[in-house]
Amino acid sequence: MQSREPFVRLATLGDLASAQVFAARLGAAGIPARLHGEALGPYRVTVGDMAATQVWVGRGDAGEARRLLDEAGLGGFADDSPDTTPRLGVPVPLVFGALAIVALMVLIRLLLLL
């Protein structure tokens, strides 16, 4: 039975291949890892900042995983933030724009009912 400890972001690597190789290295050391990023989606973006892939590990394995990250020469990619959930990456202006459109549609609908 797997433990249900939360995963924390260990590193953000520049491309999917590097992240997959490092996740395999963690797996070989007995540390389960998860990958998150645009390059894993249905419309794979592998150019620029959108090609970055995050490596996540269980909170209890983070120390050992950081040691392996440093040994692999990837310590410069480590994330020091205490994030415990992946972000969707939706820009704030886009959210406000969508809310404004919905509010406008509701207002128009109400005016048509009068």
PDB file of N, CA and C in Angstrom:
ATOM      1  N   MET A   1       0.831  -1.175   0.000  1.00  0.00           N
ATOM      2  CA  MET A   1       0.000   0.000   0.000  1.00  0.00           C
ATOM      3  C   MET A   1       0.879   1.243   0.000  1.00  0.00           C
ATOM      4  N   GLN A   2       0.582   2.193  -0.899  1.00  0.00           N
ATOM      5  CA  GLN A   2       1.372   3.410  -0.999  1.00  0.00           C
ATOM      6  C   GLN A   2       0.971   4.403   0.077  1.00  0.00           C
ATOM      7  N   SER A   3       1.951   5.180   0.541  1.00  0.00           N
ATOM      8  CA  SER A   3       1.636   6.218   1.515  1.00  0.00           C
ATOM      9  C   SER A   3       0.936   7.368   0.799  1.00  0.00           C
ATOM     10  N   ARG A   4       0.186   8.135   1.547  1.00  0.00           N
ATOM     11  CA  ARG A   4      -0.593   9.235   0.988  1.00  0.00           C
ATOM     12  C   ARG A   4       0.029  10.589   1.331  1.00  0.00           C
ATOM     13  N   GLU A   5       1.354  10.629   1.532  1.00  0.00           N
ATOM     14  CA  GLU A   5       1.991  11.886   1.873  1.00  0.00           C
ATOM     15  C   GLU A   5       1.921  12.836   0.674  1.00  0.00           C
ATOM     16  N   PRO A   6       1.857  14.137   0.938  1.00  0.00           N
ATOM     17  CA  PRO A   6       1.777  15.104  -0.163  1.00  0.00           C
ATOM     18  C   PRO A   6       3.083  15.175  -0.943  1.00  0.00           C
ATOM     19  N   PHE A   7       2.952  15.470  -2.210  1.00  0.00           N
ATOM     20  CA  PHE A   7       4.119  15.645  -3.057  1.00  0.00           C
ATOM     21  C   PHE A   7       4.533  17.113  -3.025  1.00  0.00           C
ATOM     22  N   VAL A   8       5.824  17.357  -3.136  1.00  0.00           N
ATOM     23  CA  VAL A   8       6.360  18.717  -3.188  1.00  0.00           C
ATOM     24  C   VAL A   8       7.196  18.859  -4.454  1.00  0.00           C
ATOM     25  N   ARG A   9       7.239  20.088  -4.987  1.00  0.00           N
ATOM     26  CA  ARG A   9       8.012  20.329  -6.205  1.00  0.00           C
ATOM     27  C   ARG A   9       9.494  20.327  -5.861  1.00  0.00           C
ATOM     28  N   LEU A  10      10.233  19.477  -6.530  1.00  0.00           N
ATOM     29  CA  LEU A  10      11.664  19.345  -6.288  1.00  0.00           C
ATOM     30  C   LEU A  10      12.464  20.265  -7.207  1.00  0.00           C
ATOM     31  N   ALA A  11      12.126  20.253  -8.494  1.00  0.00           N
ATOM     32  CA  ALA A  11      12.907  21.015  -9.468  1.00  0.00           C
ATOM     33  C   ALA A  11      12.067  21.309 -10.695  1.00  0.00           C
ATOM     34  N   THR A  12      12.495  22.306 -11.447  1.00  0.00           N
ATOM     35  CA  THR A  12      11.914  22.601 -12.748  1.00  0.00           C
ATOM     36  C   THR A  12      13.046  22.513 -13.754  1.00  0.00           C
ATOM     37  N   LEU A  13      12.961  21.517 -14.638  1.00  0.00           N
ATOM     38  CA  LEU A  13      14.017  21.286 -15.618  1.00  0.00           C
ATOM     39  C   LEU A  13      13.588  21.867 -16.958  1.00  0.00           C
ATOM     40  N   GLY A  14      14.553  22.179 -17.796  1.00  0.00           N
ATOM     41  CA  GLY A  14      14.296  22.899 -19.036  1.00  0.00           C
ATOM     42  C   GLY A  14      13.576  22.142 -20.122  1.00  0.00           C
ATOM     43  N   ASP A  15      13.566  20.823 -20.058  1.00  0.00           N
ATOM     44  CA  ASP A  15      12.877  20.071 -21.101  1.00  0.00           C
ATOM     45  C   ASP A  15      12.371  18.732 -20.544  1.00  0.00           C
ATOM     46  N   LEU A  16      11.445  18.142 -21.271  1.00  0.00           N
ATOM     47  CA  LEU A  16      10.809  16.907 -20.835  1.00  0.00           C
ATOM     48  C   LEU A  16      11.807  15.750 -20.738  1.00  0.00           C
ATOM     49  N   ALA A  17      12.721  15.643 -21.696  1.00  0.00           N
ATOM     50  CA  ALA A  17      13.666  14.525 -21.693  1.00  0.00           C
ATOM     51  C   ALA A  17      14.536  14.527 -20.432  1.00  0.00           C
ATOM     52  N   SER A  18      15.033  15.703 -20.044  1.00  0.00           N
ATOM     53  CA  SER A  18      15.855  15.787 -18.827  1.00  0.00           C
ATOM     54  C   SER A  18      15.046  15.386 -17.600  1.00  0.00           C
ATOM     55  N   ALA A  19      13.800  15.838 -17.548  1.00  0.00           N
ATOM     56  CA  ALA A  19      12.942  15.508 -16.411  1.00  0.00           C
ATOM     57  C   ALA A  19      12.658  14.009 -16.363  1.00  0.00           C
ATOM     58  N   GLN A  20      12.430  13.387 -17.524  1.00  0.00           N
ATOM     59  CA  GLN A  20      12.163  11.951 -17.555  1.00  0.00           C
ATOM     60  C   GLN A  20      13.386  11.147 -17.127  1.00  0.00           C
ATOM     61  N   VAL A  21      14.554  11.570 -17.564  1.00  0.00           N
ATOM     62  CA  VAL A  21      15.786  10.879 -17.168  1.00  0.00           C
ATOM     63  C   VAL A  21      15.990  11.009 -15.663  1.00  0.00           C
ATOM     64  N   PHE A  22      15.776  12.209 -15.120  1.00  0.00           N
ATOM     65  CA  PHE A  22      15.968  12.383 -13.693  1.00  0.00           C
ATOM     66  C   PHE A  22      14.917  11.622 -12.893  1.00  0.00           C
ATOM     67  N   ALA A  23      13.665  11.583 -13.384  1.00  0.00           N
ATOM     68  CA  ALA A  23      12.609  10.817 -12.702  1.00  0.00           C
ATOM     69  C   ALA A  23      12.954   9.328 -12.708  1.00  0.00           C
ATOM     70  N   ALA A  24      13.556   8.855 -13.792  1.00  0.00           N
ATOM     71  CA  ALA A  24      13.980   7.453 -13.849  1.00  0.00           C
ATOM     72  C   ALA A  24      15.097   7.190 -12.844  1.00  0.00           C
ATOM     73  N   ARG A  25      16.007   8.157 -12.714  1.00  0.00           N
ATOM     74  CA  ARG A  25      17.093   8.017 -11.731  1.00  0.00           C
ATOM     75  C   ARG A  25      16.536   7.972 -10.310  1.00  0.00           C
ATOM     76  N   LEU A  26      15.537   8.817 -10.027  1.00  0.00           N
ATOM     77  CA  LEU A  26      14.894   8.784  -8.718  1.00  0.00           C
ATOM     78  C   LEU A  26      14.194   7.443  -8.504  1.00  0.00           C
ATOM     79  N   GLY A  27      13.509   6.968  -9.543  1.00  0.00           N
ATOM     80  CA  GLY A  27      12.824   5.674  -9.445  1.00  0.00           C
ATOM     81  C   GLY A  27      13.787   4.534  -9.163  1.00  0.00           C
ATOM     82  N   ALA A  28      14.969   4.595  -9.767  1.00  0.00           N
ATOM     83  CA  ALA A  28      15.974   3.562  -9.524  1.00  0.00           C
ATOM     84  C   ALA A  28      16.459   3.592  -8.077  1.00  0.00           C
ATOM     85  N   ALA A  29      16.376   4.766  -7.447  1.00  0.00           N
ATOM     86  CA  ALA A  29      16.772   4.896  -6.042  1.00  0.00           C
ATOM     87  C   ALA A  29      15.600   4.602  -5.105  1.00  0.00           C
ATOM     88  N   GLY A  30      14.466   4.207  -5.684  1.00  0.00           N
ATOM     89  CA  GLY A  30      13.303   3.875  -4.864  1.00  0.00           C
ATOM     90  C   GLY A  30      12.456   5.073  -4.472  1.00  0.00           C
ATOM     91  N   ILE A  31      12.630   6.194  -5.170  1.00  0.00           N
ATOM     92  CA  ILE A  31      11.879   7.413  -4.872  1.00  0.00           C
ATOM     93  C   ILE A  31      10.875   7.646  -6.000  1.00  0.00           C
ATOM     94  N   PRO A  32       9.570   7.481  -5.729  1.00  0.00           N
ATOM     95  CA  PRO A  32       8.593   7.746  -6.778  1.00  0.00           C
ATOM     96  C   PRO A  32       8.553   9.230  -7.119  1.00  0.00           C
ATOM     97  N   ALA A  33       8.458   9.545  -8.399  1.00  0.00           N
ATOM     98  CA  ALA A  33       8.433  10.941  -8.848  1.00  0.00           C
ATOM     99  C   ALA A  33       7.283  11.134  -9.830  1.00  0.00           C
ATOM    100  N   ARG A  34       6.757  12.347  -9.846  1.00  0.00           N
ATOM    101  CA  ARG A  34       5.722  12.735 -10.802  1.00  0.00           C
ATOM    102  C   ARG A  34       6.240  13.915 -11.609  1.00  0.00           C
ATOM    103  N   LEU A  35       5.796  13.986 -12.851  1.00  0.00           N
ATOM    104  CA  LEU A  35       6.191  15.081 -13.724  1.00  0.00           C
ATOM    105  C   LEU A  35       4.961  15.904 -14.088  1.00  0.00           C
ATOM    106  N   HIS A  36       5.136  17.232 -14.144  1.00  0.00           N
ATOM    107  CA  HIS A  36       4.067  18.137 -14.546  1.00  0.00           C
ATOM    108  C   HIS A  36       4.650  19.167 -15.498  1.00  0.00           C
ATOM    109  N   GLY A  37       3.901  19.483 -16.556  1.00  0.00           N
ATOM    110  CA  GLY A  37       4.347  20.519 -17.478  1.00  0.00           C
ATOM    111  C   GLY A  37       3.558  20.501 -18.765  1.00  0.00           C
ATOM    112  N   GLU A  38       3.695  21.562 -19.530  1.00  0.00           N
ATOM    113  CA  GLU A  38       2.988  21.689 -20.806  1.00  0.00           C
ATOM    114  C   GLU A  38       3.426  20.621 -21.802  1.00  0.00           C
ATOM    115  N   ALA A  39       4.640  20.150 -21.696  1.00  0.00           N
ATOM    116  CA  ALA A  39       5.145  19.153 -22.637  1.00  0.00           C
ATOM    117  C   ALA A  39       4.487  17.796 -22.453  1.00  0.00           C
ATOM    118  N   LEU A  40       3.721  17.621 -21.380  1.00  0.00           N
ATOM    119  CA  LEU A  40       3.052  16.354 -21.120  1.00  0.00           C
ATOM    120  C   LEU A  40       1.587  16.363 -21.554  1.00  0.00           C
ATOM    121  N   GLY A  41       1.086  17.505 -21.979  1.00  0.00           N
ATOM    122  CA  GLY A  41      -0.326  17.633 -22.316  1.00  0.00           C
ATOM    123  C   GLY A  41      -0.640  17.111 -23.710  1.00  0.00           C
ATOM    124  N   PRO A  42      -1.911  17.234 -24.097  1.00  0.00           N
ATOM    125  CA  PRO A  42      -2.308  16.739 -25.415  1.00  0.00           C
ATOM    126  C   PRO A  42      -1.704  17.549 -26.552  1.00  0.00           C
ATOM    127  N   TYR A  43      -1.420  18.847 -26.296  1.00  0.00           N
ATOM    128  CA  TYR A  43      -0.791  19.708 -27.294  1.00  0.00           C
ATOM    129  C   TYR A  43       0.600  20.035 -26.778  1.00  0.00           C
ATOM    130  N   ARG A  44       1.512  19.155 -27.033  1.00  0.00           N
ATOM    131  CA  ARG A  44       2.848  19.216 -26.442  1.00  0.00           C
ATOM    132  C   ARG A  44       3.619  20.436 -26.917  1.00  0.00           C
ATOM    133  N   VAL A  45       3.926  21.309 -25.973  1.00  0.00           N
ATOM    134  CA  VAL A  45       4.714  22.499 -26.253  1.00  0.00           C
ATOM    135  C   VAL A  45       6.120  22.230 -25.743  1.00  0.00           C
ATOM    136  N   THR A  46       7.084  22.250 -26.661  1.00  0.00           N
ATOM    137  CA  THR A  46       8.449  21.903 -26.272  1.00  0.00           C
ATOM    138  C   THR A  46       9.444  23.002 -26.628  1.00  0.00           C
ATOM    139  N   VAL A  47       8.963  24.246 -26.635  1.00  0.00           N
ATOM    140  CA  VAL A  47       9.824  25.370 -26.996  1.00  0.00           C
ATOM    141  C   VAL A  47       9.749  26.430 -25.902  1.00  0.00           C
ATOM    142  N   GLY A  48      10.879  26.995 -25.546  1.00  0.00           N
ATOM    143  CA  GLY A  48      10.913  28.103 -24.598  1.00  0.00           C
ATOM    144  C   GLY A  48      10.530  27.690 -23.188  1.00  0.00           C
ATOM    145  N   ASP A  49       9.970  28.655 -22.474  1.00  0.00           N
ATOM    146  CA  ASP A  49       9.604  28.426 -21.077  1.00  0.00           C
ATOM    147  C   ASP A  49       8.503  27.382 -20.921  1.00  0.00           C
ATOM    148  N   MET A  50       7.692  27.217 -21.945  1.00  0.00           N
ATOM    149  CA  MET A  50       6.600  26.246 -21.837  1.00  0.00           C
ATOM    150  C   MET A  50       7.105  24.806 -21.927  1.00  0.00           C
ATOM    151  N   ALA A  51       8.360  24.618 -22.301  1.00  0.00           N
ATOM    152  CA  ALA A  51       8.932  23.273 -22.349  1.00  0.00           C
ATOM    153  C   ALA A  51       9.392  22.815 -20.972  1.00  0.00           C
ATOM    154  N   ALA A  52       9.444  23.736 -20.010  1.00  0.00           N
ATOM    155  CA  ALA A  52       9.909  23.393 -18.662  1.00  0.00           C
ATOM    156  C   ALA A  52       8.998  22.342 -18.041  1.00  0.00           C
ATOM    157  N   THR A  53       9.605  21.381 -17.369  1.00  0.00           N
ATOM    158  CA  THR A  53       8.862  20.293 -16.730  1.00  0.00           C
ATOM    159  C   THR A  53       9.249  20.236 -15.261  1.00  0.00           C
ATOM    160  N   GLN A  54       8.233  20.169 -14.409  1.00  0.00           N
ATOM    161  CA  GLN A  54       8.456  20.112 -12.965  1.00  0.00           C
ATOM    162  C   GLN A  54       8.567  18.659 -12.514  1.00  0.00           C
ATOM    163  N   VAL A  55       9.481  18.410 -11.580  1.00  0.00           N
ATOM    164  CA  VAL A  55       9.659  17.098 -10.968  1.00  0.00           C
ATOM    165  C   VAL A  55       9.146  17.198  -9.534  1.00  0.00           C
ATOM    166  N   TRP A  56       8.207  16.330  -9.176  1.00  0.00           N
ATOM    167  CA  TRP A  56       7.598  16.319  -7.841  1.00  0.00           C
ATOM    168  C   TRP A  56       7.917  14.999  -7.152  1.00  0.00           C
ATOM    169  N   VAL A  57       8.208  15.069  -5.860  1.00  0.00           N
ATOM    170  CA  VAL A  57       8.491  13.878  -5.054  1.00  0.00           C
ATOM    171  C   VAL A  57       7.718  13.978  -3.746  1.00  0.00           C
ATOM    172  N   GLY A  58       7.579  12.846  -3.058  1.00  0.00           N
ATOM    173  CA  GLY A  58       6.926  12.851  -1.757  1.00  0.00           C
ATOM    174  C   GLY A  58       7.716  13.685  -0.765  1.00  0.00           C
ATOM    175  N   ARG A  59       7.003  14.328   0.129  1.00  0.00           N
ATOM    176  CA  ARG A  59       7.661  15.225   1.100  1.00  0.00           C
ATOM    177  C   ARG A  59       8.759  14.499   1.873  1.00  0.00           C
ATOM    178  N   GLY A  60       8.518  13.256   2.270  1.00  0.00           N
ATOM    179  CA  GLY A  60       9.508  12.502   3.037  1.00  0.00           C
ATOM    180  C   GLY A  60      10.746  12.128   2.242  1.00  0.00           C
ATOM    181  N   ASP A  61      10.623  12.081   0.907  1.00  0.00           N
ATOM    182  CA  ASP A  61      11.750  11.716   0.050  1.00  0.00           C
ATOM    183  C   ASP A  61      12.495  12.931  -0.486  1.00  0.00           C
ATOM    184  N   ALA A  62      12.034  14.126  -0.158  1.00  0.00           N
ATOM    185  CA  ALA A  62      12.595  15.342  -0.756  1.00  0.00           C
ATOM    186  C   ALA A  62      14.084  15.515  -0.443  1.00  0.00           C
ATOM    187  N   GLY A  63      14.490  15.221   0.774  1.00  0.00           N
ATOM    188  CA  GLY A  63      15.900  15.389   1.142  1.00  0.00           C
ATOM    189  C   GLY A  63      16.819  14.505   0.327  1.00  0.00           C
ATOM    190  N   GLU A  64      16.486  13.237   0.240  1.00  0.00           N
ATOM    191  CA  GLU A  64      17.296  12.297  -0.548  1.00  0.00           C
ATOM    192  C   GLU A  64      17.253  12.664  -2.032  1.00  0.00           C
ATOM    193  N   ALA A  65      16.087  13.089  -2.508  1.00  0.00           N
ATOM    194  CA  ALA A  65      15.959  13.467  -3.916  1.00  0.00           C
ATOM    195  C   ALA A  65      16.813  14.694  -4.225  1.00  0.00           C
ATOM    196  N   ARG A  66      16.880  15.651  -3.300  1.00  0.00           N
ATOM    197  CA  ARG A  66      17.733  16.830  -3.503  1.00  0.00           C
ATOM    198  C   ARG A  66      19.202  16.433  -3.570  1.00  0.00           C
ATOM    199  N   ARG A  67      19.590  15.456  -2.742  1.00  0.00           N
ATOM    200  CA  ARG A  67      20.973  14.985  -2.780  1.00  0.00           C
ATOM    201  C   ARG A  67      21.281  14.386  -4.150  1.00  0.00           C
ATOM    202  N   LEU A  68      20.353  13.572  -4.682  1.00  0.00           N
ATOM    203  CA  LEU A  68      20.548  12.982  -6.007  1.00  0.00           C
ATOM    204  C   LEU A  68      20.572  14.053  -7.089  1.00  0.00           C
ATOM    205  N   LEU A  69      19.746  15.096  -6.919  1.00  0.00           N
ATOM    206  CA  LEU A  69      19.712  16.199  -7.868  1.00  0.00           C
ATOM    207  C   LEU A  69      21.069  16.896  -7.913  1.00  0.00           C
ATOM    208  N   ASP A  70      21.652  17.117  -6.734  1.00  0.00           N
ATOM    209  CA  ASP A  70      22.977  17.753  -6.667  1.00  0.00           C
ATOM    210  C   ASP A  70      24.051  16.857  -7.276  1.00  0.00           C
ATOM    211  N   GLU A  71      23.975  15.552  -7.009  1.00  0.00           N
ATOM    212  CA  GLU A  71      24.954  14.611  -7.574  1.00  0.00           C
ATOM    213  C   GLU A  71      24.889  14.586  -9.091  1.00  0.00           C
ATOM    214  N   ALA A  72      23.685  14.763  -9.639  1.00  0.00           N
ATOM    215  CA  ALA A  72      23.512  14.748 -11.092  1.00  0.00           C
ATOM    216  C   ALA A  72      23.931  16.076 -11.727  1.00  0.00           C
ATOM    217  N   GLY A  73      24.340  17.050 -10.903  1.00  0.00           N
ATOM    218  CA  GLY A  73      24.737  18.345 -11.426  1.00  0.00           C
ATOM    219  C   GLY A  73      23.551  19.219 -11.806  1.00  0.00           C
ATOM    220  N   LEU A  74      22.386  18.921 -11.263  1.00  0.00           N
ATOM    221  CA  LEU A  74      21.169  19.669 -11.589  1.00  0.00           C
ATOM    222  C   LEU A  74      20.698  20.510 -10.419  1.00  0.00           C
ATOM    223  N   GLY A  75      21.543  20.724  -9.435  1.00  0.00           N
ATOM    224  CA  GLY A  75      21.152  21.470  -8.241  1.00  0.00           C
ATOM    225  C   GLY A  75      20.690  22.884  -8.531  1.00  0.00           C
ATOM    226  N   GLY A  76      21.156  23.482  -9.611  1.00  0.00           N
ATOM    227  CA  GLY A  76      20.752  24.830  -9.969  1.00  0.00           C
ATOM    228  C   GLY A  76      19.299  24.933 -10.402  1.00  0.00           C
ATOM    229  N   PHE A  77      18.670  23.788 -10.658  1.00  0.00           N
ATOM    230  CA  PHE A  77      17.282  23.783 -11.104  1.00  0.00           C
ATOM    231  C   PHE A  77      16.318  23.519  -9.951  1.00  0.00           C
ATOM    232  N   ALA A  78      16.850  23.359  -8.747  1.00  0.00           N
ATOM    233  CA  ALA A  78      16.004  23.036  -7.589  1.00  0.00           C
ATOM    234  C   ALA A  78      15.077  24.197  -7.276  1.00  0.00           C
ATOM    235  N   ASP A  79      13.852  23.833  -6.879  1.00  0.00           N
ATOM    236  CA  ASP A  79      12.869  24.828  -6.462  1.00  0.00           C
ATOM    237  C   ASP A  79      12.878  24.899  -4.952  1.00  0.00           C
ATOM    238  N   ASP A  80      13.041  26.104  -4.422  1.00  0.00           N
ATOM    239  CA  ASP A  80      13.072  26.276  -2.979  1.00  0.00           C
ATOM    240  C   ASP A  80      11.720  26.652  -2.399  1.00  0.00           C
ATOM    241  N   SER A  81      10.718  26.804  -3.276  1.00  0.00           N
ATOM    242  CA  SER A  81       9.402  27.187  -2.768  1.00  0.00           C
ATOM    243  C   SER A  81       8.716  25.974  -2.139  1.00  0.00           C
ATOM    244  N   PRO A  82       7.897  26.197  -1.108  1.00  0.00           N
ATOM    245  CA  PRO A  82       7.248  25.084  -0.415  1.00  0.00           C
ATOM    246  C   PRO A  82       5.938  24.654  -1.060  1.00  0.00           C
ATOM    247  N   ASP A  83       5.808  24.755  -2.391  1.00  0.00           N
ATOM    248  CA  ASP A  83       4.566  24.373  -3.054  1.00  0.00           C
ATOM    249  C   ASP A  83       4.231  22.916  -2.781  1.00  0.00           C
ATOM    250  N   THR A  84       2.955  22.653  -2.586  1.00  0.00           N
ATOM    251  CA  THR A  84       2.514  21.266  -2.403  1.00  0.00           C
ATOM    252  C   THR A  84       1.457  20.870  -3.418  1.00  0.00           C
ATOM    253  N   THR A  85       1.082  21.779  -4.315  1.00  0.00           N
ATOM    254  CA  THR A  85       0.116  21.445  -5.355  1.00  0.00           C
ATOM    255  C   THR A  85       0.562  22.031  -6.681  1.00  0.00           C
ATOM    256  N   PRO A  86       0.347  21.300  -7.772  1.00  0.00           N
ATOM    257  CA  PRO A  86       0.704  21.843  -9.082  1.00  0.00           C
ATOM    258  C   PRO A  86      -0.187  23.041  -9.427  1.00  0.00           C
ATOM    259  N   ARG A  87       0.373  23.985 -10.106  1.00  0.00           N
ATOM    260  CA  ARG A  87      -0.405  25.145 -10.533  1.00  0.00           C
ATOM    261  C   ARG A  87      -0.915  24.930 -11.944  1.00  0.00           C
ATOM    262  N   LEU A  88      -2.063  25.517 -12.233  1.00  0.00           N
ATOM    263  CA  LEU A  88      -2.631  25.418 -13.568  1.00  0.00           C
ATOM    264  C   LEU A  88      -1.948  26.378 -14.526  1.00  0.00           C
ATOM    265  N   GLY A  89      -1.369  27.431 -14.022  1.00  0.00           N
ATOM    266  CA  GLY A  89      -0.652  28.367 -14.871  1.00  0.00           C
ATOM    267  C   GLY A  89      -1.563  29.319 -15.629  1.00  0.00           C
ATOM    268  N   VAL A  90      -2.782  29.578 -15.148  1.00  0.00           N
ATOM    269  CA  VAL A  90      -3.694  30.496 -15.811  1.00  0.00           C
ATOM    270  C   VAL A  90      -3.338  31.920 -15.373  1.00  0.00           C
ATOM    271  N   PRO A  91      -3.017  32.796 -16.317  1.00  0.00           N
ATOM    272  CA  PRO A  91      -2.671  34.167 -15.957  1.00  0.00           C
ATOM    273  C   PRO A  91      -3.862  34.897 -15.332  1.00  0.00           C
ATOM    274  N   VAL A  92      -3.593  35.730 -14.347  1.00  0.00           N
ATOM    275  CA  VAL A  92      -4.643  36.463 -13.633  1.00  0.00           C
ATOM    276  C   VAL A  92      -5.471  37.336 -14.573  1.00  0.00           C
ATOM    277  N   PRO A  93      -4.861  38.095 -15.515  1.00  0.00           N
ATOM    278  CA  PRO A  93      -5.690  38.907 -16.409  1.00  0.00           C
ATOM    279  C   PRO A  93      -6.680  38.070 -17.221  1.00  0.00           C
ATOM    280  N   LEU A  94      -6.290  36.863 -17.585  1.00  0.00           N
ATOM    281  CA  LEU A  94      -7.187  35.990 -18.333  1.00  0.00           C
ATOM    282  C   LEU A  94      -8.398  35.610 -17.488  1.00  0.00           C
ATOM    283  N   VAL A  95      -8.186  35.341 -16.215  1.00  0.00           N
ATOM    284  CA  VAL A  95      -9.285  34.998 -15.313  1.00  0.00           C
ATOM    285  C   VAL A  95     -10.238  36.179 -15.175  1.00  0.00           C
ATOM    286  N   PHE A  96      -9.699  37.384 -14.965  1.00  0.00           N
ATOM    287  CA  PHE A  96     -10.553  38.562 -14.837  1.00  0.00           C
ATOM    288  C   PHE A  96     -11.292  38.848 -16.144  1.00  0.00           C
ATOM    289  N   GLY A  97     -10.634  38.644 -17.259  1.00  0.00           N
ATOM    290  CA  GLY A  97     -11.286  38.839 -18.552  1.00  0.00           C
ATOM    291  C   GLY A  97     -12.455  37.882 -18.744  1.00  0.00           C
ATOM    292  N   ALA A  98     -12.249  36.622 -18.371  1.00  0.00           N
ATOM    293  CA  ALA A  98     -13.318  35.624 -18.490  1.00  0.00           C
ATOM    294  C   ALA A  98     -14.484  35.972 -17.570  1.00  0.00           C
ATOM    295  N   LEU A  99     -14.179  36.420 -16.355  1.00  0.00           N
ATOM    296  CA  LEU A  99     -15.240  36.814 -15.424  1.00  0.00           C
ATOM    297  C   LEU A  99     -16.005  38.030 -15.951  1.00  0.00           C
ATOM    298  N   ALA A 100     -15.320  38.967 -16.571  1.00  0.00           N
ATOM    299  CA  ALA A 100     -15.972  40.147 -17.133  1.00  0.00           C
ATOM    300  C   ALA A 100     -16.913  39.754 -18.264  1.00  0.00           C
ATOM    301  N   ILE A 101     -16.501  38.823 -19.105  1.00  0.00           N
ATOM    302  CA  ILE A 101     -17.354  38.359 -20.209  1.00  0.00           C
ATOM    303  C   ILE A 101     -18.597  37.667 -19.666  1.00  0.00           C
ATOM    304  N   VAL A 102     -18.431  36.825 -18.666  1.00  0.00           N
ATOM    305  CA  VAL A 102     -19.579  36.136 -18.061  1.00  0.00           C
ATOM    306  C   VAL A 102     -20.532  37.146 -17.433  1.00  0.00           C
ATOM    307  N   ALA A 103     -19.998  38.140 -16.728  1.00  0.00           N
ATOM    308  CA  ALA A 103     -20.840  39.160 -16.105  1.00  0.00           C
ATOM    309  C   ALA A 103     -21.601  39.950 -17.172  1.00  0.00           C
ATOM    310  N   LEU A 104     -20.948  40.278 -18.264  1.00  0.00           N
ATOM    311  CA  LEU A 104     -21.596  40.992 -19.356  1.00  0.00           C
ATOM    312  C   LEU A 104     -22.714  40.158 -19.968  1.00  0.00           C
ATOM    313  N   MET A 105     -22.482  38.877 -20.155  1.00  0.00           N
ATOM    314  CA  MET A 105     -23.510  37.990 -20.718  1.00  0.00           C
ATOM    315  C   MET A 105     -24.717  37.899 -19.785  1.00  0.00           C
ATOM    316  N   VAL A 106     -24.486  37.815 -18.498  1.00  0.00           N
ATOM    317  CA  VAL A 106     -25.585  37.760 -17.525  1.00  0.00           C
ATOM    318  C   VAL A 106     -26.365  39.072 -17.554  1.00  0.00           C
ATOM    319  N   LEU A 107     -25.666  40.200 -17.618  1.00  0.00           N
ATOM    320  CA  LEU A 107     -26.319  41.498 -17.663  1.00  0.00           C
ATOM    321  C   LEU A 107     -27.187  41.635 -18.919  1.00  0.00           C
ATOM    322  N   ILE A 108     -26.673  41.232 -20.059  1.00  0.00           N
ATOM    323  CA  ILE A 108     -27.440  41.288 -21.314  1.00  0.00           C
ATOM    324  C   ILE A 108     -28.674  40.409 -21.221  1.00  0.00           C
ATOM    325  N   ARG A 109     -28.503  39.227 -20.678  1.00  0.00           N
ATOM    326  CA  ARG A 109     -29.646  38.309 -20.529  1.00  0.00           C
ATOM    327  C   ARG A 109     -30.722  38.905 -19.635  1.00  0.00           C
ATOM    328  N   LEU A 110     -30.324  39.532 -18.548  1.00  0.00           N
ATOM    329  CA  LEU A 110     -31.283  40.173 -17.640  1.00  0.00           C
ATOM    330  C   LEU A 110     -32.002  41.331 -18.329  1.00  0.00           C
ATOM    331  N   LEU A 111     -31.274  42.119 -19.111  1.00  0.00           N
ATOM    332  CA  LEU A 111     -31.881  43.230 -19.813  1.00  0.00           C
ATOM    333  C   LEU A 111     -32.871  42.764 -20.872  1.00  0.00           C
ATOM    334  N   LEU A 112     -32.592  41.637 -21.498  1.00  0.00           N
ATOM    335  CA  LEU A 112     -33.509  41.091 -22.503  1.00  0.00           C
ATOM    336  C   LEU A 112     -34.789  40.563 -21.878  1.00  0.00           C
ATOM    337  N   LEU A 113     -34.721  40.150 -20.615  1.00  0.00           N
ATOM    338  CA  LEU A 113     -35.910  39.626 -19.923  1.00  0.00           C
ATOM    339  C   LEU A 113     -36.838  40.754 -19.489  1.00  0.00           C
ATOM    340  N   LEU A 114     -36.327  41.981 -19.368  1.00  0.00           N
ATOM    341  CA  LEU A 114     -37.165  43.113 -18.916  1.00  0.00           C
ATOM    342  C   LEU A 114     -38.056  43.629 -19.980  1.00  0.00           C
TER     343      LEU A 114
END
